[in-house]
């Protein structure tokens, strides 16, 4: 008899497959539209993988989703800080 996997384990398993499929869409050489779909999917999936990869597989749905939102907030804050300080860092390298 098979035991039912927890929400966190199932989500991580599905997410790995989603990442693999998006990489395959990028790797195909037939259609530019499919490449674009794969690229957009990968751009969305990678930040989410950071959050989903940090949850424990044994957690239930509510705890997993709460932690994913916290981790996504951290990722968004790092992106925002990076964008905000980029002009300052670029100007450091310029000669006046």
N, C-alpha and C. Protein backbone atom coordinates (compact mmCIF):
# COMPACT_ATOMS: atom_id res chain seq x y z
N UNK A 1 0.84 -1.18 0.00
CA UNK A 1 0.00 0.00 0.00
C UNK A 1 0.88 1.24 0.00
N UNK A 2 0.55 2.20 -0.84
CA UNK A 2 1.33 3.44 -0.93
C UNK A 2 0.90 4.41 0.15
N UNK A 3 1.88 5.07 0.73
CA UNK A 3 1.56 6.11 1.70
C UNK A 3 1.45 7.44 0.97
N UNK A 4 0.58 8.29 1.45
CA UNK A 4 0.36 9.58 0.82
C UNK A 4 1.49 10.53 1.21
N UNK A 5 2.07 11.19 0.20
CA UNK A 5 3.13 12.15 0.46
C UNK A 5 2.53 13.43 1.02
N UNK A 6 3.32 14.14 1.81
CA UNK A 6 2.86 15.40 2.37
C UNK A 6 2.83 16.47 1.28
N UNK A 7 2.18 17.58 1.60
CA UNK A 7 2.04 18.67 0.64
C UNK A 7 3.40 19.20 0.20
N UNK A 8 4.31 19.41 1.16
CA UNK A 8 5.63 19.95 0.84
C UNK A 8 6.41 19.05 -0.09
N UNK A 9 6.35 17.75 0.13
CA UNK A 9 7.07 16.80 -0.72
C UNK A 9 6.48 16.79 -2.13
N UNK A 10 5.15 16.80 -2.23
CA UNK A 10 4.51 16.80 -3.54
C UNK A 10 4.82 18.09 -4.30
N UNK A 11 4.78 19.22 -3.59
CA UNK A 11 5.06 20.50 -4.23
C UNK A 11 6.48 20.56 -4.76
N UNK A 12 7.43 20.09 -3.99
CA UNK A 12 8.83 20.10 -4.44
C UNK A 12 9.01 19.18 -5.65
N UNK A 13 8.37 18.04 -5.64
CA UNK A 13 8.46 17.09 -6.76
C UNK A 13 7.88 17.71 -8.03
N UNK A 14 6.71 18.32 -7.92
CA UNK A 14 6.06 18.94 -9.08
C UNK A 14 6.91 20.10 -9.58
N UNK A 15 7.49 20.86 -8.66
CA UNK A 15 8.27 22.03 -9.05
C UNK A 15 9.53 21.65 -9.82
N UNK A 16 10.18 20.56 -9.43
CA UNK A 16 11.36 20.10 -10.16
C UNK A 16 10.97 19.73 -11.59
N UNK A 17 9.82 19.08 -11.74
CA UNK A 17 9.36 18.74 -13.09
C UNK A 17 9.02 19.99 -13.90
N UNK A 18 8.43 20.98 -13.25
CA UNK A 18 8.11 22.23 -13.96
C UNK A 18 9.38 22.93 -14.43
N UNK A 19 10.41 22.94 -13.60
CA UNK A 19 11.69 23.53 -14.00
C UNK A 19 12.30 22.76 -15.16
N UNK A 20 12.24 21.44 -15.11
CA UNK A 20 12.81 20.62 -16.18
C UNK A 20 12.07 20.85 -17.50
N UNK A 21 10.76 20.95 -17.43
CA UNK A 21 9.98 21.18 -18.65
C UNK A 21 10.29 22.55 -19.23
N UNK A 22 10.42 23.56 -18.38
CA UNK A 22 10.74 24.89 -18.90
C UNK A 22 12.13 24.91 -19.53
N UNK A 23 13.07 24.16 -18.98
CA UNK A 23 14.39 24.06 -19.61
C UNK A 23 14.32 23.36 -20.96
N UNK A 24 13.49 22.34 -21.06
CA UNK A 24 13.30 21.66 -22.34
C UNK A 24 12.66 22.58 -23.38
N UNK A 25 11.73 23.43 -22.94
CA UNK A 25 11.13 24.38 -23.87
C UNK A 25 12.16 25.37 -24.39
N UNK A 26 13.09 25.75 -23.54
CA UNK A 26 14.16 26.66 -23.97
C UNK A 26 15.13 25.94 -24.89
N UNK A 27 15.40 24.68 -24.63
CA UNK A 27 16.39 23.95 -25.40
C UNK A 27 15.92 23.58 -26.81
N UNK A 28 14.61 23.54 -27.05
CA UNK A 28 14.12 23.17 -28.37
C UNK A 28 14.48 24.25 -29.38
N UNK A 29 14.66 23.87 -30.61
CA UNK A 29 15.09 24.81 -31.65
C UNK A 29 14.05 24.98 -32.76
N UNK A 30 12.82 24.59 -32.53
CA UNK A 30 11.81 24.61 -33.58
C UNK A 30 11.07 25.95 -33.67
N UNK A 31 10.60 26.45 -32.53
CA UNK A 31 9.72 27.61 -32.54
C UNK A 31 10.18 28.65 -31.53
N UNK A 32 10.22 29.88 -31.97
CA UNK A 32 10.61 30.96 -31.07
C UNK A 32 9.55 31.19 -30.00
N UNK A 33 8.28 31.01 -30.34
CA UNK A 33 7.20 31.21 -29.36
C UNK A 33 7.32 30.23 -28.20
N UNK A 34 7.65 28.98 -28.49
CA UNK A 34 7.82 27.99 -27.43
C UNK A 34 9.03 28.34 -26.57
N UNK A 35 10.09 28.81 -27.21
CA UNK A 35 11.27 29.27 -26.48
C UNK A 35 10.89 30.40 -25.52
N UNK A 36 10.10 31.34 -26.01
CA UNK A 36 9.69 32.47 -25.19
C UNK A 36 8.85 32.02 -23.99
N UNK A 37 7.96 31.08 -24.22
CA UNK A 37 7.14 30.54 -23.13
C UNK A 37 8.04 29.87 -22.09
N UNK A 38 8.99 29.09 -22.54
CA UNK A 38 9.91 28.44 -21.62
C UNK A 38 10.76 29.43 -20.85
N UNK A 39 11.20 30.50 -21.51
CA UNK A 39 12.02 31.51 -20.85
C UNK A 39 11.23 32.26 -19.78
N UNK A 40 10.01 32.66 -20.12
CA UNK A 40 9.16 33.35 -19.15
C UNK A 40 8.85 32.43 -17.97
N UNK A 41 8.55 31.18 -18.27
CA UNK A 41 8.26 30.22 -17.20
C UNK A 41 9.48 30.05 -16.29
N UNK A 42 10.65 29.95 -16.87
CA UNK A 42 11.86 29.79 -16.07
C UNK A 42 12.12 31.02 -15.22
N UNK A 43 11.88 32.20 -15.78
CA UNK A 43 12.06 33.45 -15.01
C UNK A 43 11.11 33.51 -13.82
N UNK A 44 9.93 32.92 -13.94
CA UNK A 44 8.99 32.88 -12.82
C UNK A 44 9.30 31.74 -11.86
N UNK A 45 9.72 30.61 -12.40
CA UNK A 45 9.93 29.42 -11.57
C UNK A 45 11.17 29.50 -10.69
N UNK A 46 12.23 30.14 -11.16
CA UNK A 46 13.48 30.15 -10.40
C UNK A 46 13.34 30.87 -9.06
N UNK A 47 12.77 32.10 -9.02
CA UNK A 47 12.59 32.71 -7.69
C UNK A 47 11.66 31.90 -6.79
N UNK A 48 10.65 31.28 -7.40
CA UNK A 48 9.77 30.44 -6.59
C UNK A 48 10.49 29.19 -6.09
N UNK A 49 11.45 28.70 -6.87
CA UNK A 49 12.22 27.53 -6.43
C UNK A 49 13.03 27.85 -5.19
N UNK A 50 13.51 29.08 -5.09
CA UNK A 50 14.24 29.49 -3.89
C UNK A 50 13.35 29.31 -2.67
N UNK A 51 12.10 29.72 -2.78
CA UNK A 51 11.18 29.59 -1.65
C UNK A 51 10.75 28.15 -1.43
N UNK A 52 10.39 27.46 -2.50
CA UNK A 52 9.89 26.09 -2.36
C UNK A 52 11.00 25.14 -1.93
N UNK A 53 12.22 25.40 -2.35
CA UNK A 53 13.34 24.56 -1.96
C UNK A 53 13.71 24.67 -0.49
N UNK A 54 13.22 25.71 0.18
CA UNK A 54 13.54 25.91 1.59
C UNK A 54 12.46 25.43 2.55
N UNK A 55 11.40 24.83 2.03
CA UNK A 55 10.40 24.27 2.93
C UNK A 55 10.74 22.81 3.21
N UNK A 56 10.32 22.35 4.37
CA UNK A 56 10.57 20.94 4.72
C UNK A 56 9.50 20.08 4.06
N UNK A 57 9.91 18.95 3.50
CA UNK A 57 8.94 18.09 2.80
C UNK A 57 7.81 17.58 3.68
N UNK A 58 8.01 17.50 4.98
CA UNK A 58 6.97 16.94 5.84
C UNK A 58 5.93 17.96 6.29
N UNK A 59 6.10 19.22 5.94
CA UNK A 59 5.14 20.26 6.34
C UNK A 59 3.84 20.11 5.56
N UNK A 60 2.75 20.53 6.21
CA UNK A 60 1.45 20.54 5.57
C UNK A 60 1.28 21.76 4.68
N UNK A 61 0.07 21.88 4.11
CA UNK A 61 -0.18 22.95 3.14
C UNK A 61 -0.12 24.33 3.77
N UNK A 62 -0.76 24.53 4.91
CA UNK A 62 -0.83 25.88 5.48
C UNK A 62 0.54 26.37 5.93
N UNK A 63 1.30 25.52 6.58
CA UNK A 63 2.64 25.93 7.02
C UNK A 63 3.56 26.15 5.82
N UNK A 64 3.47 25.30 4.82
CA UNK A 64 4.29 25.44 3.62
C UNK A 64 4.00 26.75 2.91
N UNK A 65 2.72 27.05 2.71
CA UNK A 65 2.35 28.27 2.00
C UNK A 65 2.73 29.52 2.78
N UNK A 66 2.60 29.46 4.11
CA UNK A 66 3.00 30.61 4.93
C UNK A 66 4.50 30.86 4.81
N UNK A 67 5.29 29.80 4.88
CA UNK A 67 6.75 29.95 4.75
C UNK A 67 7.15 30.39 3.35
N UNK A 68 6.47 29.88 2.33
CA UNK A 68 6.78 30.28 0.96
C UNK A 68 6.55 31.79 0.80
N UNK A 69 5.47 32.31 1.37
CA UNK A 69 5.21 33.75 1.29
C UNK A 69 6.30 34.55 2.01
N UNK A 70 6.76 34.06 3.14
CA UNK A 70 7.85 34.74 3.86
C UNK A 70 9.11 34.74 3.00
N UNK A 71 9.46 33.60 2.44
CA UNK A 71 10.67 33.50 1.63
C UNK A 71 10.57 34.35 0.36
N UNK A 72 9.38 34.41 -0.23
CA UNK A 72 9.20 35.25 -1.41
C UNK A 72 9.34 36.73 -1.05
N UNK A 73 8.89 37.10 0.14
CA UNK A 73 9.08 38.47 0.61
C UNK A 73 10.55 38.81 0.76
N UNK A 74 11.33 37.86 1.26
CA UNK A 74 12.77 38.06 1.40
C UNK A 74 13.42 38.21 0.02
N UNK A 75 13.04 37.35 -0.92
CA UNK A 75 13.59 37.43 -2.27
C UNK A 75 13.22 38.77 -2.92
N UNK A 76 11.97 39.20 -2.75
CA UNK A 76 11.53 40.48 -3.32
C UNK A 76 12.30 41.65 -2.70
N UNK A 77 12.56 41.58 -1.39
CA UNK A 77 13.32 42.65 -0.74
C UNK A 77 14.75 42.71 -1.27
N UNK A 78 15.36 41.55 -1.47
CA UNK A 78 16.72 41.53 -2.01
C UNK A 78 16.74 42.08 -3.44
N UNK A 79 15.75 41.73 -4.25
CA UNK A 79 15.66 42.29 -5.60
C UNK A 79 15.51 43.80 -5.54
N UNK A 80 14.62 44.30 -4.68
CA UNK A 80 14.37 45.74 -4.58
C UNK A 80 15.61 46.49 -4.12
N UNK A 81 16.31 45.95 -3.13
CA UNK A 81 17.54 46.60 -2.64
C UNK A 81 18.59 46.59 -3.74
N UNK A 82 18.69 45.50 -4.46
CA UNK A 82 19.68 45.42 -5.56
C UNK A 82 19.40 46.45 -6.63
N UNK A 83 18.14 46.61 -6.99
CA UNK A 83 17.77 47.59 -8.00
C UNK A 83 18.03 49.00 -7.49
N UNK A 84 17.74 49.23 -6.22
CA UNK A 84 17.91 50.57 -5.65
C UNK A 84 19.38 50.99 -5.57
N UNK A 85 20.29 50.07 -5.26
CA UNK A 85 21.69 50.46 -5.09
C UNK A 85 22.51 50.35 -6.37
N UNK A 86 21.93 49.81 -7.43
CA UNK A 86 22.68 49.67 -8.68
C UNK A 86 23.20 51.00 -9.23
N UNK A 87 22.41 52.08 -9.30
CA UNK A 87 22.96 53.34 -9.81
C UNK A 87 24.13 53.86 -8.98
N UNK A 88 24.06 53.70 -7.68
CA UNK A 88 25.17 54.12 -6.81
C UNK A 88 26.42 53.32 -7.11
N UNK A 89 26.28 52.02 -7.27
CA UNK A 89 27.44 51.17 -7.55
C UNK A 89 28.03 51.45 -8.93
N UNK A 90 27.19 51.76 -9.90
CA UNK A 90 27.68 52.10 -11.24
C UNK A 90 28.49 53.40 -11.18
N UNK A 91 28.00 54.37 -10.43
CA UNK A 91 28.70 55.66 -10.33
C UNK A 91 30.02 55.54 -9.57
N UNK A 92 30.16 54.53 -8.75
CA UNK A 92 31.45 54.34 -8.04
C UNK A 92 32.59 54.08 -9.02
N UNK A 93 32.30 53.41 -10.10
CA UNK A 93 33.33 53.05 -11.06
C UNK A 93 33.63 54.11 -12.09
N UNK A 94 32.84 55.16 -12.14
CA UNK A 94 33.04 56.21 -13.14
C UNK A 94 34.03 57.25 -12.65
N UNK A 95 34.79 57.75 -13.60
CA UNK A 95 35.73 58.83 -13.31
C UNK A 95 35.02 60.15 -13.61
N UNK A 96 35.07 61.07 -12.66
CA UNK A 96 34.39 62.36 -12.85
C UNK A 96 35.24 63.32 -13.60
